[in-house]
């Protein structure tokens, strides 16, 4: 799953711009996974406090991408919530150099397997048509 997250970060083109990945929700409760994610991404991972993360995250993303128009009040509320959350940083997990190098090599293998599997499933889909 950590390699899939890295693949998504790279696909979004945010790999170079993202200084820290902020995470919320059930999976983020695992210290082991948060550390693994930091090592795989090669950047800090910050576990945010609170339970409303996913819905709030989507709302903040939408507010940052689009002008809210008639719902400017909602935009101000989201901006206020975001500012308060920024003032209360979460728990950081920092990448460990040796582990980053190890996972870089494993990620290259993951990409090769991912691409090969996609070829197999594409061919299977064509055969069933």
Protein backbone atom coordinates (compact mmCIF):
# COMPACT_ATOMS: atom_id res chain seq x y z
CA UNK A 1 0.00 0.00 0.00
CA UNK A 2 2.88 2.36 0.76
CA UNK A 3 4.27 1.86 -2.74
CA UNK A 4 0.82 2.60 -4.20
CA UNK A 5 0.73 5.85 -2.19
CA UNK A 6 4.17 6.74 -3.58
CA UNK A 7 2.97 5.94 -7.08
CA UNK A 8 -0.04 8.24 -6.63
CA UNK A 9 2.11 11.06 -5.24
CA UNK A 10 4.40 10.75 -8.25
CA UNK A 11 1.48 10.56 -10.69
CA UNK A 12 0.01 13.77 -9.28
CA UNK A 13 3.31 15.51 -9.96
CA UNK A 14 3.57 16.58 -6.35
CA UNK A 15 6.60 14.49 -5.46
CA UNK A 16 9.00 17.40 -5.72
CA UNK A 17 6.72 20.00 -4.12
CA UNK A 18 5.35 18.02 -1.19
CA UNK A 19 7.50 18.59 1.87
CA UNK A 20 5.34 16.54 4.23
CA UNK A 21 2.45 14.11 3.80
CA UNK A 22 -0.32 14.71 6.31
CA UNK A 23 -2.42 11.65 7.10
CA UNK A 24 -5.63 11.00 9.03
CA UNK A 25 -7.99 8.15 9.71
CA UNK A 26 -7.82 4.56 10.83
CA UNK A 27 -4.64 3.46 9.09
CA UNK A 28 -2.76 6.42 10.49
CA UNK A 29 -3.12 4.98 13.99
CA UNK A 30 -0.37 2.48 13.19
CA UNK A 31 3.06 3.86 14.13
CA UNK A 32 4.68 1.07 12.10
CA UNK A 33 2.81 2.01 8.93
CA UNK A 34 3.43 5.73 9.39
CA UNK A 35 7.17 5.06 9.71
CA UNK A 36 7.14 2.74 6.70
CA UNK A 37 5.30 5.38 4.67
CA UNK A 38 7.88 8.03 5.61
CA UNK A 39 10.68 5.66 4.59
CA UNK A 40 9.00 4.69 1.28
CA UNK A 41 8.20 8.31 0.36
CA UNK A 42 11.54 9.64 1.56
CA UNK A 43 9.80 12.57 3.27
CA UNK A 44 8.18 13.25 6.62
CA UNK A 45 4.72 11.91 7.33
CA UNK A 46 2.61 13.78 9.85
CA UNK A 47 -0.25 12.06 11.63
CA UNK A 48 -2.95 14.68 12.21
CA UNK A 49 -5.03 14.77 15.36
CA UNK A 50 -8.79 14.35 15.25
CA UNK A 51 -11.28 12.13 13.52
CA UNK A 52 -12.87 14.32 10.82
CA UNK A 53 -9.90 14.11 8.52
CA UNK A 54 -11.08 12.61 5.24
CA UNK A 55 -14.18 14.77 4.83
CA UNK A 56 -12.31 17.88 5.92
CA UNK A 57 -9.42 17.04 3.62
CA UNK A 58 -11.69 16.74 0.60
CA UNK A 59 -13.42 20.01 1.51
CA UNK A 60 -10.09 21.82 1.93
CA UNK A 61 -8.83 20.45 -1.37
CA UNK A 62 -12.00 21.58 -3.14
CA UNK A 63 -11.79 25.02 -1.52
CA UNK A 64 -8.17 25.42 -2.57
CA UNK A 65 -8.87 24.45 -6.18
CA UNK A 66 -12.10 26.31 -6.83
CA UNK A 67 -13.53 29.68 -5.98
CA UNK A 68 -16.48 29.05 -3.69
CA UNK A 69 -18.72 31.75 -5.25
CA UNK A 70 -21.96 32.28 -3.33
CA UNK A 71 -20.66 30.00 -0.58
CA UNK A 72 -17.85 32.34 0.46
CA UNK A 73 -18.86 31.83 4.10
CA UNK A 74 -18.05 28.14 3.73
CA UNK A 75 -14.67 29.10 2.30
CA UNK A 76 -13.93 31.32 5.30
CA UNK A 77 -14.99 28.55 7.69
CA UNK A 78 -12.75 26.03 5.92
CA UNK A 79 -9.85 28.50 5.91
CA UNK A 80 -10.33 29.05 9.65
CA UNK A 81 -10.42 25.31 10.35
CA UNK A 82 -7.33 24.79 8.20
CA UNK A 83 -5.46 27.57 10.00
CA UNK A 84 -6.29 26.05 13.40
CA UNK A 85 -5.16 22.62 12.25
CA UNK A 86 -1.90 24.07 10.92
CA UNK A 87 -1.27 25.69 14.30
CA UNK A 88 -1.63 22.26 15.92
CA UNK A 89 0.84 20.06 14.04
CA UNK A 90 0.49 16.34 14.27
CA UNK A 91 2.96 13.68 15.23
CA UNK A 92 5.90 13.52 12.76
CA UNK A 93 7.49 10.37 11.39
CA UNK A 94 10.83 11.12 9.72
CA UNK A 95 12.38 9.04 6.93
CA UNK A 96 15.46 7.02 7.87
CA UNK A 97 18.24 7.25 5.25
CA UNK A 98 19.13 3.55 5.11
CA UNK A 99 15.49 2.54 4.87
CA UNK A 100 14.80 5.12 2.14
CA UNK A 101 17.56 3.63 -0.03
CA UNK A 102 16.28 0.10 0.61
CA UNK A 103 12.72 1.05 -0.33
CA UNK A 104 13.86 2.94 -3.43
CA UNK A 105 15.22 -0.34 -4.80
CA UNK A 106 12.05 -2.21 -3.76
CA UNK A 107 9.87 0.48 -5.34
CA UNK A 108 11.62 -0.01 -8.69
CA UNK A 109 10.75 -3.74 -8.45
CA UNK A 110 7.17 -2.87 -7.49
CA UNK A 111 6.79 -0.71 -10.60
CA UNK A 112 8.07 -3.51 -12.84
CA UNK A 113 5.64 -5.99 -11.28
CA UNK A 114 2.80 -3.46 -11.45
CA UNK A 115 3.39 -2.87 -15.16
CA UNK A 116 3.71 -6.61 -15.90
CA UNK A 117 0.51 -7.38 -14.01
CA UNK A 118 -1.32 -4.66 -15.89
CA UNK A 119 -0.24 -6.25 -19.19
CA UNK A 120 -1.55 -9.62 -18.02
CA UNK A 121 -4.90 -8.23 -16.91
CA UNK A 122 -5.23 -6.17 -20.10
CA UNK A 123 -4.59 -9.29 -22.19
CA UNK A 124 -7.08 -11.30 -20.13
CA UNK A 125 -9.71 -8.61 -20.66
CA UNK A 126 -9.15 -8.66 -24.40
CA UNK A 127 -9.43 -12.47 -24.52
CA UNK A 128 -12.79 -12.34 -22.73
CA UNK A 129 -14.26 -9.82 -25.19
